[in-house]
Amino acid sequence: MTTRPTPRERLAAEEGRSFECSSLREWRLAPLPWEPDALEPHIGRRTIELHYGKHHQGYLDKLRTAIEGKPEAEKDLEELVRTSQGHVFDLAAQVWNHDFYWNSLTPDGGGQPQGELRARIERDFGSFAACRERLAEVASGHFGSGYAWLAAGRDGRLRVLATHDAENPLGGGLAPLLTIDVWEHAYYLDVQNERERYVNAVLDHLIDWDFAARNLGRAGRVVA
């Protein structure tokens, strides 16, 4: 699938990103890239309203309390994630992770990637089906809260990994391409404890391979 980038995506790309991050200077969340009901029936409007409006907003509010008036507040969000530790890292990373997760989803998603991303997946996993199976396995089987990621390493090879809680690939020198949030609040209202059902719906209907391809295009700058 191929889509033209939105004006917001073009602006983010000019600033060296593939998506719009939440702002620490303005203390505002980045807007959702689609309407709250756009992912139905796979992820419901109520789930998005609570996930974005309560959980995501809550992390930003707590981060503001923790760093407002301090030098950390002058950093952009990704820089803060890369350089902070402890409680500040947990809050900043959760804001960034959610920004990234929303952009990993699209109402017309699923399907299969094309172009360079497809070629790299086939090189490193053997086939797209093997990559999809690995993502589903890691996301569904991850113990506790966290995220499943497709990421590029410094060696240029793609890999699938899971992280616990707020951790993400940035701290390990990897360039994240897409993520699946597997905290329970991402899916419990829709499918209760059936995480595998949620993961398969994301991979088959919502995952945005174009977003992953844009991230692959800037991966060298991210991991340098």
N, C-alpha and C. Protein backbone atom coordinates (compact mmCIF):
# COMPACT_ATOMS: atom_id res chain seq x y z
N MET A 1 0.84 -1.18 0.00
CA MET A 1 0.00 0.00 0.00
C MET A 1 0.88 1.24 0.00
N THR A 2 0.46 2.30 -0.68
CA THR A 2 1.21 3.54 -0.72
C THR A 2 0.26 4.70 -0.53
N THR A 3 0.56 5.57 0.40
CA THR A 3 -0.27 6.74 0.66
C THR A 3 0.62 7.97 0.70
N ARG A 4 0.05 9.11 0.35
CA ARG A 4 0.79 10.35 0.43
C ARG A 4 0.82 10.83 1.88
N PRO A 5 1.96 11.38 2.32
CA PRO A 5 2.02 11.87 3.69
C PRO A 5 1.11 13.07 3.89
N THR A 6 0.55 13.18 5.08
CA THR A 6 -0.29 14.31 5.43
C THR A 6 0.59 15.54 5.65
N PRO A 7 0.00 16.76 5.68
CA PRO A 7 0.81 17.95 5.99
C PRO A 7 1.54 17.82 7.32
N ARG A 8 0.91 17.22 8.33
CA ARG A 8 1.57 17.05 9.62
C ARG A 8 2.78 16.11 9.50
N GLU A 9 2.62 15.04 8.71
CA GLU A 9 3.73 14.12 8.50
C GLU A 9 4.87 14.79 7.75
N ARG A 10 4.53 15.63 6.75
CA ARG A 10 5.58 16.33 6.01
C ARG A 10 6.34 17.28 6.92
N LEU A 11 5.62 17.99 7.82
CA LEU A 11 6.29 18.89 8.76
C LEU A 11 7.20 18.11 9.69
N ALA A 12 6.72 16.99 10.21
CA ALA A 12 7.55 16.18 11.10
C ALA A 12 8.79 15.70 10.38
N ALA A 13 8.64 15.29 9.11
CA ALA A 13 9.78 14.80 8.36
C ALA A 13 10.82 15.90 8.16
N GLU A 14 10.35 17.13 7.94
CA GLU A 14 11.28 18.25 7.79
C GLU A 14 12.07 18.47 9.07
N GLU A 15 11.49 18.11 10.20
CA GLU A 15 12.15 18.27 11.49
C GLU A 15 12.94 17.01 11.88
N GLY A 16 13.08 16.07 10.95
CA GLY A 16 13.87 14.87 11.20
C GLY A 16 13.12 13.74 11.86
N ARG A 17 11.78 13.77 11.84
CA ARG A 17 10.99 12.70 12.43
C ARG A 17 9.99 12.19 11.39
N SER A 18 9.41 11.04 11.67
CA SER A 18 8.37 10.52 10.78
C SER A 18 6.99 10.72 11.39
N PHE A 19 6.92 11.37 12.56
CA PHE A 19 5.63 11.57 13.21
C PHE A 19 5.75 12.76 14.16
N GLU A 20 4.62 13.26 14.59
CA GLU A 20 4.59 14.42 15.49
C GLU A 20 4.64 13.95 16.93
N CYS A 21 5.64 14.41 17.67
CA CYS A 21 5.77 14.09 19.09
C CYS A 21 4.96 15.07 19.93
N SER A 22 4.56 14.64 21.10
CA SER A 22 3.96 15.55 22.07
C SER A 22 4.97 16.63 22.44
N SER A 23 4.46 17.81 22.78
CA SER A 23 5.32 18.96 23.05
C SER A 23 5.52 19.18 24.54
N LEU A 24 6.79 19.26 24.96
CA LEU A 24 7.07 19.61 26.36
C LEU A 24 7.00 21.12 26.56
N ARG A 25 7.38 21.88 25.55
CA ARG A 25 7.36 23.33 25.70
C ARG A 25 5.93 23.86 25.82
N GLU A 26 5.01 23.23 25.09
CA GLU A 26 3.60 23.65 25.14
C GLU A 26 2.77 22.77 26.07
N TRP A 27 3.36 21.69 26.57
CA TRP A 27 2.68 20.73 27.44
C TRP A 27 1.35 20.28 26.83
N ARG A 28 1.47 19.77 25.60
CA ARG A 28 0.28 19.25 24.92
C ARG A 28 0.62 17.93 24.26
N LEU A 29 -0.35 17.04 24.24
CA LEU A 29 -0.19 15.80 23.51
C LEU A 29 -0.26 16.05 22.01
N ALA A 30 0.51 15.30 21.27
CA ALA A 30 0.33 15.30 19.82
C ALA A 30 -1.07 14.79 19.51
N PRO A 31 -1.76 15.39 18.56
CA PRO A 31 -3.12 14.91 18.23
C PRO A 31 -3.09 13.51 17.65
N LEU A 32 -4.16 12.79 17.86
CA LEU A 32 -4.29 11.48 17.23
C LEU A 32 -4.26 11.65 15.71
N PRO A 33 -3.68 10.71 14.99
CA PRO A 33 -3.63 10.83 13.53
C PRO A 33 -4.91 10.40 12.83
N TRP A 34 -5.95 10.08 13.58
CA TRP A 34 -7.24 9.66 13.05
C TRP A 34 -8.29 9.94 14.14
N GLU A 35 -9.57 9.87 13.80
CA GLU A 35 -10.65 10.11 14.75
C GLU A 35 -10.74 8.95 15.75
N PRO A 36 -11.25 9.22 16.97
CA PRO A 36 -11.27 8.17 18.00
C PRO A 36 -12.04 6.91 17.63
N ASP A 37 -12.99 7.02 16.71
CA ASP A 37 -13.76 5.83 16.32
C ASP A 37 -13.25 5.21 15.02
N ALA A 38 -12.12 5.70 14.51
CA ALA A 38 -11.66 5.28 13.18
C ALA A 38 -11.15 3.85 13.15
N LEU A 39 -10.76 3.30 14.30
CA LEU A 39 -10.20 1.95 14.33
C LEU A 39 -11.25 0.88 14.63
N GLU A 40 -12.49 1.28 14.81
CA GLU A 40 -13.55 0.31 15.04
C GLU A 40 -13.75 -0.55 13.79
N PRO A 41 -14.12 -1.82 13.94
CA PRO A 41 -14.52 -2.49 15.19
C PRO A 41 -13.36 -3.13 15.95
N HIS A 42 -12.15 -2.94 15.49
CA HIS A 42 -11.00 -3.65 16.06
C HIS A 42 -10.56 -3.05 17.39
N ILE A 43 -10.53 -1.72 17.46
CA ILE A 43 -10.27 -1.01 18.72
C ILE A 43 -11.36 0.04 18.85
N GLY A 44 -12.13 -0.03 19.93
CA GLY A 44 -13.30 0.80 20.07
C GLY A 44 -13.01 2.24 20.47
N ARG A 45 -13.97 3.10 20.20
CA ARG A 45 -13.84 4.52 20.55
C ARG A 45 -13.60 4.71 22.03
N ARG A 46 -14.30 3.95 22.87
CA ARG A 46 -14.14 4.12 24.32
C ARG A 46 -12.73 3.75 24.76
N THR A 47 -12.16 2.70 24.15
CA THR A 47 -10.78 2.34 24.46
C THR A 47 -9.84 3.49 24.11
N ILE A 48 -10.01 4.07 22.92
CA ILE A 48 -9.14 5.18 22.50
C ILE A 48 -9.33 6.39 23.41
N GLU A 49 -10.56 6.70 23.76
CA GLU A 49 -10.80 7.87 24.61
C GLU A 49 -10.12 7.72 25.96
N LEU A 50 -10.19 6.55 26.54
CA LEU A 50 -9.54 6.32 27.84
C LEU A 50 -8.03 6.20 27.70
N HIS A 51 -7.59 5.49 26.69
CA HIS A 51 -6.16 5.25 26.50
C HIS A 51 -5.44 6.57 26.21
N TYR A 52 -5.98 7.34 25.28
CA TYR A 52 -5.37 8.61 24.90
C TYR A 52 -5.66 9.71 25.92
N GLY A 53 -6.92 9.84 26.29
CA GLY A 53 -7.33 10.96 27.13
C GLY A 53 -7.01 10.81 28.60
N LYS A 54 -6.85 9.59 29.08
CA LYS A 54 -6.56 9.36 30.50
C LYS A 54 -5.12 8.86 30.71
N HIS A 55 -4.78 7.73 30.09
CA HIS A 55 -3.45 7.16 30.31
C HIS A 55 -2.35 8.03 29.69
N HIS A 56 -2.46 8.30 28.39
CA HIS A 56 -1.44 9.09 27.71
C HIS A 56 -1.36 10.50 28.32
N GLN A 57 -2.51 11.14 28.48
CA GLN A 57 -2.52 12.48 29.07
C GLN A 57 -1.98 12.45 30.49
N GLY A 58 -2.28 11.40 31.22
CA GLY A 58 -1.81 11.29 32.60
C GLY A 58 -0.29 11.24 32.68
N TYR A 59 0.36 10.53 31.75
CA TYR A 59 1.82 10.50 31.75
C TYR A 59 2.40 11.89 31.49
N LEU A 60 1.79 12.63 30.56
CA LEU A 60 2.30 13.98 30.29
C LEU A 60 2.09 14.90 31.48
N ASP A 61 0.94 14.79 32.13
CA ASP A 61 0.67 15.64 33.31
C ASP A 61 1.68 15.35 34.42
N LYS A 62 1.97 14.08 34.66
CA LYS A 62 2.93 13.73 35.71
C LYS A 62 4.35 14.14 35.33
N LEU A 63 4.67 14.04 34.04
CA LEU A 63 5.98 14.49 33.58
C LEU A 63 6.14 16.00 33.80
N ARG A 64 5.10 16.73 33.54
CA ARG A 64 5.15 18.19 33.76
C ARG A 64 5.44 18.50 35.22
N THR A 65 4.78 17.80 36.11
CA THR A 65 5.03 18.00 37.54
C THR A 65 6.47 17.68 37.90
N ALA A 66 7.03 16.65 37.25
CA ALA A 66 8.37 16.20 37.60
C ALA A 66 9.47 17.11 37.07
N ILE A 67 9.26 17.78 35.92
CA ILE A 67 10.39 18.50 35.31
C ILE A 67 10.13 19.97 35.02
N GLU A 68 8.91 20.45 35.19
CA GLU A 68 8.65 21.85 34.83
C GLU A 68 9.57 22.78 35.62
N GLY A 69 10.17 23.74 34.92
CA GLY A 69 11.09 24.67 35.54
C GLY A 69 12.51 24.15 35.68
N LYS A 70 12.75 22.93 35.23
CA LYS A 70 14.08 22.32 35.31
C LYS A 70 14.69 22.25 33.91
N PRO A 71 16.01 22.06 33.82
CA PRO A 71 16.65 22.00 32.50
C PRO A 71 16.06 20.93 31.59
N GLU A 72 15.57 19.83 32.18
CA GLU A 72 15.00 18.75 31.36
C GLU A 72 13.82 19.23 30.52
N ALA A 73 13.10 20.23 31.00
CA ALA A 73 11.92 20.72 30.29
C ALA A 73 12.29 21.44 29.00
N GLU A 74 13.56 21.79 28.82
CA GLU A 74 14.00 22.48 27.61
C GLU A 74 14.37 21.50 26.50
N LYS A 75 14.41 20.22 26.81
CA LYS A 75 14.73 19.21 25.80
C LYS A 75 13.47 18.84 25.01
N ASP A 76 13.66 18.33 23.80
CA ASP A 76 12.49 17.77 23.14
C ASP A 76 12.25 16.37 23.70
N LEU A 77 11.10 15.82 23.40
CA LEU A 77 10.67 14.58 24.07
C LEU A 77 11.62 13.43 23.78
N GLU A 78 12.01 13.25 22.52
CA GLU A 78 12.87 12.11 22.20
C GLU A 78 14.23 12.25 22.87
N GLU A 79 14.77 13.46 22.92
CA GLU A 79 16.05 13.68 23.60
C GLU A 79 15.93 13.34 25.09
N LEU A 80 14.80 13.73 25.69
CA LEU A 80 14.59 13.43 27.11
C LEU A 80 14.54 11.92 27.34
N VAL A 81 13.88 11.20 26.45
CA VAL A 81 13.82 9.74 26.58
C VAL A 81 15.22 9.15 26.50
N ARG A 82 16.04 9.66 25.60
CA ARG A 82 17.37 9.11 25.40
C ARG A 82 18.32 9.41 26.55
N THR A 83 18.07 10.48 27.29
CA THR A 83 19.06 10.94 28.28
C THR A 83 18.61 10.83 29.74
N SER A 84 17.35 10.53 29.99
CA SER A 84 16.85 10.52 31.37
C SER A 84 16.86 9.12 31.95
N GLN A 85 16.64 9.04 33.24
CA GLN A 85 16.60 7.78 33.96
C GLN A 85 15.48 7.80 34.98
N GLY A 86 15.21 6.63 35.56
CA GLY A 86 14.28 6.53 36.67
C GLY A 86 12.88 7.01 36.35
N HIS A 87 12.29 7.74 37.29
CA HIS A 87 10.89 8.16 37.18
C HIS A 87 10.68 9.07 35.97
N VAL A 88 11.60 9.99 35.72
CA VAL A 88 11.46 10.88 34.58
C VAL A 88 11.49 10.09 33.28
N PHE A 89 12.40 9.13 33.18
CA PHE A 89 12.43 8.29 31.98
C PHE A 89 11.11 7.56 31.80
N ASP A 90 10.60 6.94 32.85
CA ASP A 90 9.35 6.18 32.73
C ASP A 90 8.23 7.05 32.17
N LEU A 91 8.10 8.27 32.68
CA LEU A 91 7.03 9.15 32.23
C LEU A 91 7.27 9.63 30.80
N ALA A 92 8.49 10.10 30.52
CA ALA A 92 8.80 10.60 29.18
C ALA A 92 8.67 9.50 28.13
N ALA A 93 9.17 8.31 28.45
CA ALA A 93 9.11 7.21 27.50
C ALA A 93 7.67 6.79 27.24
N GLN A 94 6.83 6.83 28.25
CA GLN A 94 5.44 6.45 28.03
C GLN A 94 4.72 7.48 27.16
N VAL A 95 5.06 8.75 27.29
CA VAL A 95 4.48 9.74 26.38
C VAL A 95 4.96 9.45 24.95
N TRP A 96 6.27 9.26 24.79
CA TRP A 96 6.82 9.01 23.45
C TRP A 96 6.30 7.68 22.88
N ASN A 97 6.28 6.64 23.68
CA ASN A 97 5.81 5.33 23.20
C ASN A 97 4.38 5.42 22.67
N HIS A 98 3.54 6.16 23.38
CA HIS A 98 2.16 6.28 22.93
C HIS A 98 2.07 7.11 21.65
N ASP A 99 2.83 8.20 21.54
CA ASP A 99 2.86 8.93 20.28
C ASP A 99 3.21 7.98 19.13
N PHE A 100 4.21 7.13 19.36
CA PHE A 100 4.69 6.21 18.33
C PHE A 100 3.64 5.13 18.03
N TYR A 101 2.99 4.63 19.06
CA TYR A 101 1.96 3.60 18.89
C TYR A 101 0.80 4.11 18.06
N TRP A 102 0.28 5.31 18.37
CA TRP A 102 -0.84 5.83 17.59
C TRP A 102 -0.48 5.90 16.11
N ASN A 103 0.76 6.29 15.82
CA ASN A 103 1.18 6.41 14.43
C ASN A 103 1.50 5.08 13.79
N SER A 104 1.64 4.03 14.59
CA SER A 104 1.83 2.68 14.06
C SER A 104 0.52 2.07 13.58
N LEU A 105 -0.60 2.75 13.85
CA LEU A 105 -1.92 2.25 13.49
C LEU A 105 -2.56 3.16 12.46
N THR A 106 -3.38 2.58 11.60
CA THR A 106 -4.14 3.36 10.63
C THR A 106 -5.41 2.60 10.29
N PRO A 107 -6.52 3.30 10.05
CA PRO A 107 -7.78 2.61 9.78
C PRO A 107 -7.73 1.68 8.58
N ASP A 108 -6.88 1.98 7.60
CA ASP A 108 -6.78 1.14 6.40
C ASP A 108 -5.50 0.33 6.40
N GLY A 109 -5.10 -0.13 7.58
CA GLY A 109 -3.83 -0.82 7.72
C GLY A 109 -3.89 -2.30 7.44
N GLY A 110 -2.88 -3.00 7.97
CA GLY A 110 -2.76 -4.42 7.69
C GLY A 110 -2.11 -4.64 6.34
N GLY A 111 -2.46 -5.71 5.70
CA GLY A 111 -1.85 -6.01 4.42
C GLY A 111 -0.38 -6.33 4.56
N GLN A 112 0.39 -5.99 3.56
CA GLN A 112 1.82 -6.30 3.55
C GLN A 112 2.61 -5.10 3.07
N PRO A 113 3.82 -4.92 3.59
CA PRO A 113 4.66 -3.81 3.14
C PRO A 113 5.19 -4.07 1.74
N GLN A 114 5.67 -2.99 1.12
CA GLN A 114 6.25 -3.10 -0.21
C GLN A 114 7.62 -2.43 -0.22
N GLY A 115 8.27 -2.47 -1.35
CA GLY A 115 9.51 -1.73 -1.54
C GLY A 115 10.65 -2.21 -0.67
N GLU A 116 11.47 -1.25 -0.23
CA GLU A 116 12.67 -1.57 0.53
C GLU A 116 12.34 -2.29 1.83
N LEU A 117 11.27 -1.87 2.51
CA LEU A 117 10.91 -2.53 3.76
C LEU A 117 10.59 -4.00 3.52
N ARG A 118 9.84 -4.29 2.49
CA ARG A 118 9.51 -5.69 2.17
C ARG A 118 10.79 -6.48 1.89
N ALA A 119 11.70 -5.89 1.13
CA ALA A 119 12.94 -6.58 0.80
C ALA A 119 13.77 -6.86 2.04
N ARG A 120 13.83 -5.90 2.96
CA ARG A 120 14.61 -6.09 4.17
C ARG A 120 13.98 -7.13 5.08
N ILE A 121 12.65 -7.15 5.16
CA ILE A 121 11.96 -8.16 5.96
C ILE A 121 12.25 -9.55 5.41
N GLU A 122 12.17 -9.70 4.11
CA GLU A 122 12.42 -11.01 3.51
C GLU A 122 13.87 -11.43 3.70
N ARG A 123 14.79 -10.48 3.65
CA ARG A 123 16.20 -10.80 3.88
C ARG A 123 16.44 -11.28 5.31
N ASP A 124 15.83 -10.58 6.29
CA ASP A 124 16.18 -10.83 7.69
C ASP A 124 15.29 -11.85 8.38
N PHE A 125 14.08 -12.09 7.85
CA PHE A 125 13.18 -13.07 8.47
C PHE A 125 12.89 -14.25 7.56
N GLY A 126 13.27 -14.16 6.31
CA GLY A 126 13.00 -15.23 5.37
C GLY A 126 11.76 -15.00 4.54
N SER A 127 10.74 -14.38 5.15
CA SER A 127 9.49 -14.07 4.45
C SER A 127 8.70 -13.09 5.29
N PHE A 128 7.74 -12.41 4.64
CA PHE A 128 6.86 -11.54 5.41
C PHE A 128 6.06 -12.36 6.42
N ALA A 129 5.59 -13.55 6.01
CA ALA A 129 4.79 -14.38 6.91
C ALA A 129 5.57 -14.72 8.18
N ALA A 130 6.86 -14.96 8.06
CA ALA A 130 7.67 -15.28 9.23
C ALA A 130 7.81 -14.07 10.14
N CYS A 131 7.94 -12.88 9.55
CA CYS A 131 8.03 -11.66 10.35
C CYS A 131 6.72 -11.41 11.09
N ARG A 132 5.60 -11.57 10.38
CA ARG A 132 4.30 -11.37 11.02
C ARG A 132 4.09 -12.37 12.15
N GLU A 133 4.48 -13.62 11.92
CA GLU A 133 4.34 -14.65 12.95
C GLU A 133 5.17 -14.31 14.18
N ARG A 134 6.38 -13.79 13.95
CA ARG A 134 7.25 -13.44 15.06
C ARG A 134 6.68 -12.26 15.85
N LEU A 135 6.17 -11.25 15.16
CA LEU A 135 5.54 -10.13 15.85
C LEU A 135 4.36 -10.58 16.69
N ALA A 136 3.51 -11.43 16.11
CA ALA A 136 2.35 -11.93 16.83
C ALA A 136 2.77 -12.74 18.05
N GLU A 137 3.78 -13.57 17.89
CA GLU A 137 4.26 -14.41 18.99
C GLU A 137 4.82 -13.57 20.12
N VAL A 138 5.66 -12.60 19.79
CA VAL A 138 6.29 -11.77 20.82
C VAL A 138 5.25 -10.90 21.52
N ALA A 139 4.34 -10.29 20.76
CA ALA A 139 3.33 -9.43 21.37
C ALA A 139 2.35 -10.22 22.22
N SER A 140 1.88 -11.35 21.73
CA SER A 140 0.89 -12.15 22.46
C SER A 140 1.49 -12.82 23.68
N GLY A 141 2.75 -13.22 23.58
CA GLY A 141 3.37 -13.99 24.64
C GLY A 141 4.14 -13.19 25.66
N HIS A 142 4.23 -11.88 25.47
CA HIS A 142 5.00 -11.06 26.40
C HIS A 142 4.38 -11.11 27.79
N PHE A 143 5.19 -11.35 28.81
CA PHE A 143 4.69 -11.46 30.17
C PHE A 143 4.58 -10.08 30.79
N GLY A 144 3.38 -9.72 31.22
CA GLY A 144 3.17 -8.44 31.87
C GLY A 144 2.96 -7.32 30.87
N SER A 145 3.22 -6.09 31.33
CA SER A 145 2.96 -4.91 30.52
C SER A 145 4.18 -4.54 29.68
N GLY A 146 3.94 -3.93 28.54
CA GLY A 146 5.04 -3.50 27.70
C GLY A 146 4.63 -3.32 26.26
N TYR A 147 5.60 -3.52 25.38
CA TYR A 147 5.40 -3.27 23.95
C TYR A 147 6.15 -4.32 23.14
N ALA A 148 5.64 -4.62 21.95
CA ALA A 148 6.37 -5.39 20.96
C ALA A 148 6.78 -4.44 19.85
N TRP A 149 8.00 -4.62 19.33
CA TRP A 149 8.56 -3.68 18.36
C TRP A 149 9.15 -4.41 17.16
N LEU A 150 9.05 -3.78 16.01
CA LEU A 150 9.91 -4.08 14.88
C LEU A 150 10.93 -2.95 14.82
N ALA A 151 12.21 -3.29 14.83
CA ALA A 151 13.26 -2.27 14.91
C ALA A 151 14.42 -2.63 14.01
N ALA A 152 15.22 -1.61 13.67
CA ALA A 152 16.44 -1.80 12.90
C ALA A 152 17.65 -1.58 13.80
N GLY A 153 18.62 -2.47 13.70
CA GLY A 153 19.83 -2.34 14.50
C GLY A 153 20.89 -1.51 13.81
N ARG A 154 21.98 -1.25 14.52
CA ARG A 154 23.10 -0.50 13.95
C ARG A 154 23.70 -1.21 12.73
N ASP A 155 23.54 -2.52 12.70
CA ASP A 155 24.06 -3.29 11.57
C ASP A 155 23.11 -3.27 10.38
N GLY A 156 21.98 -2.57 10.52
CA GLY A 156 21.01 -2.48 9.43
C GLY A 156 20.02 -3.61 9.38
N ARG A 157 20.17 -4.61 10.23
CA ARG A 157 19.28 -5.76 10.20
C ARG A 157 18.05 -5.48 11.05
N LEU A 158 16.92 -6.02 10.61
CA LEU A 158 15.66 -5.85 11.33
C LEU A 158 15.51 -6.95 12.37
N ARG A 159 14.82 -6.61 13.46
CA ARG A 159 14.57 -7.60 14.50
C ARG A 159 13.26 -7.27 15.20
N VAL A 160 12.67 -8.28 15.79
CA VAL A 160 11.46 -8.13 16.61
C VAL A 160 11.87 -8.33 18.06
N LEU A 161 11.39 -7.44 18.93
CA LEU A 161 11.71 -7.56 20.34
C LEU A 161 10.55 -7.05 21.18
N ALA A 162 10.55 -7.44 22.46
CA ALA A 162 9.59 -6.95 23.42
C ALA A 162 10.32 -6.16 24.48
N THR A 163 9.67 -5.13 25.02
CA THR A 163 10.22 -4.38 26.14
C THR A 163 9.20 -4.33 27.26
N HIS A 164 9.67 -4.26 28.48
CA HIS A 164 8.80 -4.21 29.64
C HIS A 164 8.48 -2.76 30.02
N ASP A 165 7.26 -2.57 30.50
CA ASP A 165 6.82 -1.29 31.06
C ASP A 165 7.06 -0.15 30.06
N ALA A 166 7.88 0.85 30.42
CA ALA A 166 8.09 2.00 29.54
C ALA A 166 9.30 1.85 28.64
N GLU A 167 10.06 0.78 28.77
CA GLU A 167 11.28 0.65 27.98
C GLU A 167 10.96 0.63 26.49
N ASN A 168 11.91 1.15 25.69
CA ASN A 168 11.76 1.12 24.24
C ASN A 168 13.12 0.93 23.59
N PRO A 169 13.17 0.70 22.28
CA PRO A 169 14.45 0.39 21.64
C PRO A 169 15.44 1.55 21.58
N LEU A 170 15.01 2.78 21.80
CA LEU A 170 15.92 3.92 21.66
C LEU A 170 17.13 3.78 22.57
N GLY A 171 16.92 3.28 23.78
CA GLY A 171 18.01 3.17 24.74
C GLY A 171 19.02 2.11 24.37
N GLY A 172 18.66 1.20 23.48
CA GLY A 172 19.58 0.14 23.08
C GLY A 172 20.24 0.38 21.75
N GLY A 173 20.15 1.61 21.26
CA GLY A 173 20.77 1.93 19.99
C GLY A 173 20.04 1.38 18.80
N LEU A 174 18.77 1.04 18.96
CA LEU A 174 17.96 0.53 17.86
C LEU A 174 17.02 1.63 17.35
N ALA A 175 16.62 1.52 16.11
CA ALA A 175 15.67 2.45 15.52
C ALA A 175 14.31 1.77 15.42
N PRO A 176 13.34 2.18 16.23
CA PRO A 176 12.01 1.55 16.15
C PRO A 176 11.31 1.88 14.84
N LEU A 177 10.68 0.87 14.27
CA LEU A 177 9.93 1.05 13.03
C LEU A 177 8.43 1.06 13.27
N LEU A 178 7.95 0.22 14.17
CA LEU A 178 6.54 0.22 14.57
C LEU A 178 6.44 -0.47 15.92
N THR A 179 5.30 -0.29 16.59
CA THR A 179 5.10 -0.94 17.89
C THR A 179 3.66 -1.36 18.07
N ILE A 180 3.48 -2.35 18.93
CA ILE A 180 2.15 -2.79 19.39
C ILE A 180 2.15 -2.68 20.91
N ASP A 181 1.27 -1.87 21.44
CA ASP A 181 1.13 -1.70 22.88
C ASP A 181 0.41 -2.92 23.45
N VAL A 182 1.02 -3.59 24.43
CA VAL A 182 0.37 -4.75 25.02
C VAL A 182 0.07 -4.56 26.51
N TRP A 183 0.04 -3.29 26.96
CA TRP A 183 -0.54 -3.03 28.27
C TRP A 183 -2.04 -3.37 28.19
N GLU A 184 -2.61 -3.85 29.28
CA GLU A 184 -4.00 -4.30 29.23
C GLU A 184 -4.97 -3.21 28.82
N HIS A 185 -4.69 -1.96 29.19
CA HIS A 185 -5.65 -0.90 28.86
C HIS A 185 -5.72 -0.65 27.35
N ALA A 186 -4.79 -1.23 26.57
CA ALA A 186 -4.85 -1.08 25.12
C ALA A 186 -5.94 -1.93 24.49
N TYR A 187 -6.42 -2.96 25.21
CA TYR A 187 -7.34 -3.90 24.56
C TYR A 187 -8.43 -4.45 25.47
N TYR A 188 -8.36 -4.23 26.79
CA TYR A 188 -9.23 -4.98 27.69
C TYR A 188 -10.71 -4.66 27.48
N LEU A 189 -11.05 -3.41 27.22
CA LEU A 189 -12.47 -3.08 27.01
C LEU A 189 -13.03 -3.75 25.76
N ASP A 190 -12.17 -4.03 24.81
CA ASP A 190 -12.62 -4.60 23.53
C ASP A 190 -12.67 -6.12 23.55
N VAL A 191 -11.65 -6.76 24.12
CA VAL A 191 -11.56 -8.23 24.03
C VAL A 191 -11.25 -8.88 25.38
N GLN A 192 -11.37 -8.11 26.47
CA GLN A 192 -11.03 -8.60 27.81
C GLN A 192 -9.60 -9.16 27.84
N ASN A 193 -9.42 -10.39 28.27
CA ASN A 193 -8.06 -10.92 28.42
C ASN A 193 -7.53 -11.61 27.17
N GLU A 194 -8.22 -11.47 26.04
CA GLU A 194 -7.80 -12.15 24.80
C GLU A 194 -6.79 -11.30 24.04
N ARG A 195 -5.60 -11.18 24.60
CA ARG A 195 -4.57 -10.34 23.96
C ARG A 195 -4.26 -10.80 22.55
N GLU A 196 -4.20 -12.11 22.34
CA GLU A 196 -3.86 -12.63 21.02
C GLU A 196 -4.86 -12.16 19.97
N ARG A 197 -6.11 -12.08 20.34
CA ARG A 197 -7.14 -11.60 19.41
C ARG A 197 -6.89 -10.14 19.03
N TYR A 198 -6.55 -9.32 20.01
CA TYR A 198 -6.22 -7.92 19.76
C TYR A 198 -4.99 -7.81 18.86
N VAL A 199 -3.94 -8.57 19.16
CA VAL A 199 -2.69 -8.51 18.39
C VAL A 199 -2.97 -8.89 16.94
N ASN A 200 -3.72 -9.94 16.71
CA ASN A 200 -4.02 -10.35 15.34
C ASN A 200 -4.84 -9.31 14.60
N ALA A 201 -5.78 -8.66 15.30
CA ALA A 201 -6.57 -7.60 14.67
C ALA A 201 -5.67 -6.44 14.26
N VAL A 202 -4.73 -6.08 15.13
CA VAL A 202 -3.79 -5.00 14.79
C VAL A 202 -2.98 -5.37 13.56
N LEU A 203 -2.41 -6.57 13.55
CA LEU A 203 -1.54 -6.96 12.45
C LEU A 203 -2.31 -7.14 11.14
N ASP A 204 -3.52 -7.62 11.21
CA ASP A 204 -4.28 -7.91 10.00
C ASP A 204 -5.05 -6.71 9.45
N HIS A 205 -5.38 -5.73 10.33
CA HIS A 205 -6.27 -4.66 9.91
C HIS A 205 -5.78 -3.24 10.20
N LEU A 206 -4.84 -3.06 11.10
CA LEU A 206 -4.53 -1.70 11.57
C LEU A 206 -3.07 -1.29 11.45
N ILE A 207 -2.14 -2.21 11.39
CA ILE A 207 -0.73 -1.82 11.42
C ILE A 207 -0.39 -1.01 10.17
N ASP A 208 0.40 0.04 10.36
CA ASP A 208 0.71 0.96 9.27
C ASP A 208 2.12 0.69 8.74
N TRP A 209 2.20 -0.09 7.70
CA TRP A 209 3.50 -0.43 7.13
C TRP A 209 4.15 0.76 6.45
N ASP A 210 3.36 1.73 5.99
CA ASP A 210 3.95 2.95 5.42
C ASP A 210 4.70 3.74 6.49
N PHE A 211 4.15 3.78 7.69
CA PHE A 211 4.85 4.43 8.80
C PHE A 211 6.17 3.72 9.09
N ALA A 212 6.14 2.40 9.11
CA ALA A 212 7.37 1.64 9.34
C ALA A 212 8.39 1.91 8.24
N ALA A 213 7.93 2.03 7.00
CA ALA A 213 8.84 2.31 5.89
C ALA A 213 9.49 3.68 6.04
N ARG A 214 8.72 4.67 6.48
CA ARG A 214 9.31 6.00 6.69
C ARG A 214 10.35 5.95 7.80
N ASN A 215 10.08 5.20 8.84
CA ASN A 215 11.06 5.07 9.92
C ASN A 215 12.32 4.35 9.46
N LEU A 216 12.16 3.36 8.59
CA LEU A 216 13.31 2.67 8.04
C LEU A 216 14.18 3.65 7.25
N GLY A 217 13.53 4.58 6.56
CA GLY A 217 14.27 5.54 5.76
C GLY A 217 15.16 6.47 6.58
N ARG A 218 14.79 6.68 7.84
CA ARG A 218 15.60 7.56 8.70
C ARG A 218 16.37 6.77 9.74
N ALA A 219 16.38 5.45 9.65
CA ALA A 219 16.98 4.61 10.68
C ALA A 219 18.46 4.90 10.87
N GLY A 220 19.18 5.16 9.80
CA GLY A 220 20.60 5.43 9.93
C GLY A 220 20.88 6.64 10.80
N ARG A 221 20.05 7.68 10.68
CA ARG A 221 20.23 8.88 11.50
C ARG A 221 19.89 8.60 12.95
N VAL A 222 18.91 7.72 13.18
CA VAL A 222 18.46 7.44 14.53
C VAL A 222 19.53 6.69 15.32
N VAL A 223 20.16 5.71 14.72
CA VAL A 223 21.08 4.86 15.45
C VAL A 223 22.53 5.33 15.36
N ALA A 224 22.80 6.36 14.58
CA ALA A 224 24.17 6.83 14.43
C ALA A 224 24.72 7.36 15.74
